[in-house]
Amino acid sequence: MKAVSLFALFAFTLISCQTDKKVSKYPDTVGDITFDEKLDEAGFKKCGALKDKPFSPQYYNVSQQFDYKGEKIVIEEKLKKENIFSEKKINGYITVRFLVNCEGKAGMFRLKHLDSDLKDLPLDGELENRLLKFTKSLNGWMPKEIEGLKVDYYQYLTYKIEDGKVSEVLP
């Protein structure tokens, strides 16, 4: 009996002393964008952390306002001047989601498209690229602070497309 107890203690000690850490395949927070060298600018840096954890609040966690200099109306006016449209009479939504760092610089852009039935289908590649380029050109994002600490945050713009034209910018 003493041998069994000694063996159990030895096995427990051996197992508990293992130093291999399991790395999760999941992000720290649902919706985190991971850096992709094929898509993202090498110079763009995430710089915010909250309580020693890499954390970037989502657009709905931080404030109820639109944090762009001049608000959303400035973006809508710039978009109108660009006259971005599709020759195709398509309907749907094109969402560009990105990270704004603690300096107010945007990066790590990701695009999602939905048809009018909310199915994940490409609408018009050229229109999507032009809206992505337009979104990347916006440089009035304001930095945020939480508990006195500058943080990165996620933002998105959804372009509602009706008959090939942007009819609305959401949120």
C-alpha atoms as a PDB file:
ATOM      1  CA  MET A   1       0.000   0.000   0.000  1.00  0.00           C
ATOM      2  CA  LYS A   2       2.897   2.288   0.845  1.00  0.00           C
ATOM      3  CA  ALA A   3       4.341   1.673  -2.654  1.00  0.00           C
ATOM      4  CA  VAL A   4       1.035   2.663  -4.336  1.00  0.00           C
ATOM      5  CA  SER A   5       0.830   5.873  -2.282  1.00  0.00           C
ATOM      6  CA  LEU A   6       4.450   6.705  -3.072  1.00  0.00           C
ATOM      7  CA  PHE A   7       3.873   6.035  -6.793  1.00  0.00           C
ATOM      8  CA  ALA A   8       0.743   8.261  -6.807  1.00  0.00           C
ATOM      9  CA  LEU A   9       2.627  11.070  -5.086  1.00  0.00           C
ATOM     10  CA  PHE A  10       5.514  10.736  -7.579  1.00  0.00           C
ATOM     11  CA  ALA A  11       3.114  10.743 -10.579  1.00  0.00           C
ATOM     12  CA  PHE A  12       1.227  13.797  -9.259  1.00  0.00           C
ATOM     13  CA  THR A  13       4.498  15.674  -8.670  1.00  0.00           C
ATOM     14  CA  LEU A  14       5.757  14.810 -12.141  1.00  0.00           C
ATOM     15  CA  ILE A  15       2.547  15.948 -13.842  1.00  0.00           C
ATOM     16  CA  SER A  16       2.235  19.177 -11.851  1.00  0.00           C
ATOM     17  CA  CYS A  17       5.841  20.189 -12.548  1.00  0.00           C
ATOM     18  CA  GLN A  18       5.419  20.242 -16.298  1.00  0.00           C
ATOM     19  CA  THR A  19       6.290  23.694 -17.628  1.00  0.00           C
ATOM     20  CA  ASP A  20       4.792  23.496 -21.096  1.00  0.00           C
ATOM     21  CA  LYS A  21       2.175  26.186 -21.543  1.00  0.00           C
ATOM     22  CA  LYS A  22      -0.693  25.478 -23.828  1.00  0.00           C
ATOM     23  CA  VAL A  23      -1.195  28.310 -26.301  1.00  0.00           C
ATOM     24  CA  SER A  24      -4.795  29.035 -27.091  1.00  0.00           C
ATOM     25  CA  LYS A  25      -5.846  29.176 -30.704  1.00  0.00           C
ATOM     26  CA  TYR A  26      -8.495  31.697 -29.681  1.00  0.00           C
ATOM     27  CA  PRO A  27      -7.933  35.455 -29.299  1.00  0.00           C
ATOM     28  CA  ASP A  28      -7.971  37.122 -25.874  1.00  0.00           C
ATOM     29  CA  THR A  29     -11.261  38.775 -26.745  1.00  0.00           C
ATOM     30  CA  VAL A  30     -13.862  37.697 -29.275  1.00  0.00           C
ATOM     31  CA  GLY A  31     -13.471  39.825 -32.372  1.00  0.00           C
ATOM     32  CA  ASP A  32      -9.801  40.707 -31.927  1.00  0.00           C
ATOM     33  CA  ILE A  33      -8.036  41.314 -35.222  1.00  0.00           C
ATOM     34  CA  THR A  34      -4.664  39.606 -35.420  1.00  0.00           C
ATOM     35  CA  PHE A  35      -1.847  41.168 -37.414  1.00  0.00           C
ATOM     36  CA  ASP A  36      -1.489  39.786 -40.948  1.00  0.00           C
ATOM     37  CA  GLU A  37       1.672  40.799 -42.791  1.00  0.00           C
ATOM     38  CA  LYS A  38      -0.101  40.358 -46.146  1.00  0.00           C
ATOM     39  CA  LEU A  39      -2.887  42.822 -45.250  1.00  0.00           C
ATOM     40  CA  ASP A  40      -1.528  45.174 -42.607  1.00  0.00           C
ATOM     41  CA  GLU A  41       1.007  47.989 -42.642  1.00  0.00           C
ATOM     42  CA  ALA A  42       4.210  46.891 -40.953  1.00  0.00           C
ATOM     43  CA  GLY A  43       4.515  50.265 -39.180  1.00  0.00           C
ATOM     44  CA  PHE A  44       1.088  50.166 -37.522  1.00  0.00           C
ATOM     45  CA  LYS A  45       1.430  49.466 -33.815  1.00  0.00           C
ATOM     46  CA  LYS A  46      -1.101  48.518 -31.201  1.00  0.00           C
ATOM     47  CA  CYS A  47      -0.172  50.539 -28.169  1.00  0.00           C
ATOM     48  CA  GLY A  48      -2.912  50.252 -25.574  1.00  0.00           C
ATOM     49  CA  ALA A  49      -3.211  47.814 -22.726  1.00  0.00           C
ATOM     50  CA  LEU A  50      -5.579  47.712 -19.823  1.00  0.00           C
ATOM     51  CA  LYS A  51      -4.601  46.137 -16.501  1.00  0.00           C
ATOM     52  CA  ASP A  52      -1.552  44.372 -18.006  1.00  0.00           C
ATOM     53  CA  LYS A  53      -3.646  42.559 -20.617  1.00  0.00           C
ATOM     54  CA  PRO A  54      -3.647  43.250 -24.322  1.00  0.00           C
ATOM     55  CA  PHE A  55      -7.119  44.657 -24.690  1.00  0.00           C
ATOM     56  CA  SER A  56      -8.783  46.840 -27.288  1.00  0.00           C
ATOM     57  CA  PRO A  57     -12.359  47.812 -26.486  1.00  0.00           C
ATOM     58  CA  GLN A  58     -14.971  47.320 -29.149  1.00  0.00           C
ATOM     59  CA  TYR A  59     -16.882  50.340 -30.515  1.00  0.00           C
ATOM     60  CA  TYR A  60     -19.821  49.576 -28.195  1.00  0.00           C
ATOM     61  CA  ASN A  61     -17.676  49.403 -25.002  1.00  0.00           C
ATOM     62  CA  VAL A  62     -16.183  52.852 -24.945  1.00  0.00           C
ATOM     63  CA  SER A  63     -18.685  55.611 -25.638  1.00  0.00           C
ATOM     64  CA  GLN A  64     -21.969  56.412 -27.239  1.00  0.00           C
ATOM     65  CA  GLN A  65     -20.509  59.033 -29.552  1.00  0.00           C
ATOM     66  CA  PHE A  66     -18.856  58.695 -32.920  1.00  0.00           C
ATOM     67  CA  ASP A  67     -15.192  59.471 -32.269  1.00  0.00           C
ATOM     68  CA  TYR A  68     -14.222  61.181 -35.496  1.00  0.00           C
ATOM     69  CA  LYS A  69     -13.341  64.873 -35.750  1.00  0.00           C
ATOM     70  CA  GLY A  70     -16.520  66.518 -36.997  1.00  0.00           C
ATOM     71  CA  GLU A  71     -18.580  63.364 -36.345  1.00  0.00           C
ATOM     72  CA  LYS A  72     -20.058  61.073 -38.989  1.00  0.00           C
ATOM     73  CA  ILE A  73     -21.336  63.943 -41.133  1.00  0.00           C
ATOM     74  CA  VAL A  74     -17.748  64.804 -42.134  1.00  0.00           C
ATOM     75  CA  ILE A  75     -17.223  61.233 -43.354  1.00  0.00           C
ATOM     76  CA  GLU A  76     -20.488  61.346 -45.314  1.00  0.00           C
ATOM     77  CA  GLU A  77     -19.461  64.659 -46.935  1.00  0.00           C
ATOM     78  CA  LYS A  78     -16.036  63.261 -47.905  1.00  0.00           C
ATOM     79  CA  LEU A  79     -17.689  60.156 -49.343  1.00  0.00           C
ATOM     80  CA  LYS A  80     -20.100  62.266 -51.390  1.00  0.00           C
ATOM     81  CA  LYS A  81     -17.151  64.217 -52.878  1.00  0.00           C
ATOM     82  CA  GLU A  82     -15.403  60.960 -53.821  1.00  0.00           C
ATOM     83  CA  ASN A  83     -18.514  59.843 -55.777  1.00  0.00           C
ATOM     84  CA  ILE A  84     -17.863  56.136 -55.181  1.00  0.00           C
ATOM     85  CA  PHE A  85     -20.386  53.870 -56.912  1.00  0.00           C
ATOM     86  CA  SER A  86     -20.748  50.630 -58.840  1.00  0.00           C
ATOM     87  CA  GLU A  87     -21.839  50.257 -62.447  1.00  0.00           C
ATOM     88  CA  LYS A  88     -23.704  47.173 -61.266  1.00  0.00           C
ATOM     89  CA  LYS A  89     -27.126  47.781 -59.709  1.00  0.00           C
ATOM     90  CA  ILE A  90     -26.267  45.825 -56.560  1.00  0.00           C
ATOM     91  CA  ASN A  91     -27.790  45.987 -53.086  1.00  0.00           C
ATOM     92  CA  GLY A  92     -26.205  45.002 -49.805  1.00  0.00           C
ATOM     93  CA  TYR A  93     -23.725  46.057 -47.156  1.00  0.00           C
ATOM     94  CA  ILE A  94     -19.965  46.501 -47.100  1.00  0.00           C
ATOM     95  CA  THR A  95     -18.446  46.741 -43.627  1.00  0.00           C
ATOM     96  CA  VAL A  96     -14.898  47.857 -42.960  1.00  0.00           C
ATOM     97  CA  ARG A  97     -13.729  47.075 -39.419  1.00  0.00           C
ATOM     98  CA  PHE A  98     -10.436  48.350 -38.068  1.00  0.00           C
ATOM     99  CA  LEU A  99      -8.391  49.275 -35.028  1.00  0.00           C
ATOM    100  CA  VAL A 100      -7.703  52.853 -33.929  1.00  0.00           C
ATOM    101  CA  ASN A 101      -4.555  52.987 -31.807  1.00  0.00           C
ATOM    102  CA  CYS A 102      -3.885  55.261 -28.837  1.00  0.00           C
ATOM    103  CA  GLU A 103      -2.431  57.885 -31.194  1.00  0.00           C
ATOM    104  CA  GLY A 104      -5.637  58.055 -33.258  1.00  0.00           C
ATOM    105  CA  LYS A 105      -4.116  56.202 -36.223  1.00  0.00           C
ATOM    106  CA  ALA A 106      -6.215  53.532 -37.947  1.00  0.00           C
ATOM    107  CA  GLY A 107      -4.944  50.163 -39.174  1.00  0.00           C
ATOM    108  CA  MET A 108      -5.586  46.427 -39.410  1.00  0.00           C
ATOM    109  CA  PHE A 109      -8.553  46.899 -41.755  1.00  0.00           C
ATOM    110  CA  ARG A 110     -10.883  43.967 -42.477  1.00  0.00           C
ATOM    111  CA  LEU A 111     -13.716  43.934 -44.992  1.00  0.00           C
ATOM    112  CA  LYS A 112     -16.980  42.004 -44.913  1.00  0.00           C
ATOM    113  CA  HIS A 113     -19.705  42.019 -47.544  1.00  0.00           C
ATOM    114  CA  LEU A 114     -23.334  40.927 -47.379  1.00  0.00           C
ATOM    115  CA  ASP A 115     -25.969  40.932 -50.061  1.00  0.00           C
ATOM    116  CA  SER A 116     -29.448  42.343 -49.419  1.00  0.00           C
ATOM    117  CA  ASP A 117     -30.511  38.949 -47.992  1.00  0.00           C
ATOM    118  CA  LEU A 118     -27.598  39.213 -45.516  1.00  0.00           C
ATOM    119  CA  LYS A 119     -25.725  36.339 -47.155  1.00  0.00           C
ATOM    120  CA  ASP A 120     -21.941  36.482 -47.239  1.00  0.00           C
ATOM    121  CA  LEU A 121     -21.546  37.044 -50.969  1.00  0.00           C
ATOM    122  CA  PRO A 122     -19.166  39.360 -52.826  1.00  0.00           C
ATOM    123  CA  LEU A 123     -20.979  42.378 -54.243  1.00  0.00           C
ATOM    124  CA  ASP A 124     -18.498  44.144 -56.524  1.00  0.00           C
ATOM    125  CA  GLY A 125     -14.754  43.773 -55.934  1.00  0.00           C
ATOM    126  CA  GLU A 126     -13.933  47.174 -57.414  1.00  0.00           C
ATOM    127  CA  LEU A 127     -16.533  48.937 -55.237  1.00  0.00           C
ATOM    128  CA  GLU A 128     -15.289  47.083 -52.159  1.00  0.00           C
ATOM    129  CA  ASN A 129     -11.679  48.091 -52.885  1.00  0.00           C
ATOM    130  CA  ARG A 130     -12.644  51.736 -53.421  1.00  0.00           C
ATOM    131  CA  LEU A 131     -14.591  51.839 -50.133  1.00  0.00           C
ATOM    132  CA  LEU A 132     -11.704  50.152 -48.316  1.00  0.00           C
ATOM    133  CA  LYS A 133      -9.268  52.698 -49.769  1.00  0.00           C
ATOM    134  CA  PHE A 134     -11.630  55.536 -48.807  1.00  0.00           C
ATOM    135  CA  THR A 135     -11.913  54.224 -45.230  1.00  0.00           C
ATOM    136  CA  LYS A 136      -8.130  53.926 -44.963  1.00  0.00           C
ATOM    137  CA  SER A 137      -7.811  57.578 -46.069  1.00  0.00           C
ATOM    138  CA  LEU A 138      -9.868  58.866 -43.118  1.00  0.00           C
ATOM    139  CA  ASN A 139      -7.486  60.445 -40.633  1.00  0.00           C
ATOM    140  CA  GLY A 140      -9.685  62.171 -38.065  1.00  0.00           C
ATOM    141  CA  TRP A 141     -10.085  59.336 -35.542  1.00  0.00           C
ATOM    142  CA  MET A 142      -9.732  60.486 -31.956  1.00  0.00           C
ATOM    143  CA  PRO A 143      -7.707  58.605 -29.340  1.00  0.00           C
ATOM    144  CA  LYS A 144      -9.521  57.227 -26.282  1.00  0.00           C
ATOM    145  CA  GLU A 145      -8.698  56.919 -22.620  1.00  0.00           C
ATOM    146  CA  ILE A 146     -10.074  54.518 -20.039  1.00  0.00           C
ATOM    147  CA  GLU A 147      -9.229  55.097 -16.396  1.00  0.00           C
ATOM    148  CA  GLY A 148      -6.559  57.610 -17.455  1.00  0.00           C
ATOM    149  CA  LEU A 149      -4.841  55.085 -19.729  1.00  0.00           C
ATOM    150  CA  LYS A 150      -4.663  55.612 -23.503  1.00  0.00           C
ATOM    151  CA  VAL A 151      -6.092  52.562 -25.276  1.00  0.00           C
ATOM    152  CA  ASP A 152      -6.596  51.183 -28.750  1.00  0.00           C
ATOM    153  CA  TYR A 153     -10.193  50.551 -29.824  1.00  0.00           C
ATOM    154  CA  TYR A 154     -12.085  48.868 -32.613  1.00  0.00           C
ATOM    155  CA  GLN A 155     -14.280  50.866 -34.972  1.00  0.00           C
ATOM    156  CA  TYR A 156     -16.323  50.000 -38.034  1.00  0.00           C
ATOM    157  CA  LEU A 157     -18.091  51.701 -40.909  1.00  0.00           C
ATOM    158  CA  THR A 158     -20.853  49.908 -42.781  1.00  0.00           C
ATOM    159  CA  TYR A 159     -21.782  51.233 -46.182  1.00  0.00           C
ATOM    160  CA  LYS A 160     -25.348  50.435 -47.224  1.00  0.00           C
ATOM    161  CA  ILE A 161     -25.449  49.930 -50.994  1.00  0.00           C
ATOM    162  CA  GLU A 162     -28.649  50.489 -52.989  1.00  0.00           C
ATOM    163  CA  ASP A 163     -28.646  50.268 -56.779  1.00  0.00           C
ATOM    164  CA  GLY A 164     -24.847  50.402 -56.774  1.00  0.00           C
ATOM    165  CA  LYS A 165     -24.619  53.615 -54.717  1.00  0.00           C
ATOM    166  CA  VAL A 166     -23.839  54.204 -51.042  1.00  0.00           C
ATOM    167  CA  SER A 167     -27.176  55.264 -49.559  1.00  0.00           C
ATOM    168  CA  GLU A 168     -26.141  55.360 -45.915  1.00  0.00           C
ATOM    169  CA  VAL A 169     -23.095  55.098 -43.654  1.00  0.00           C
ATOM    170  CA  LEU A 170     -23.647  53.164 -40.442  1.00  0.00           C
ATOM    171  CA  PRO A 171     -23.387  53.325 -37.430  1.00  0.00           C
END
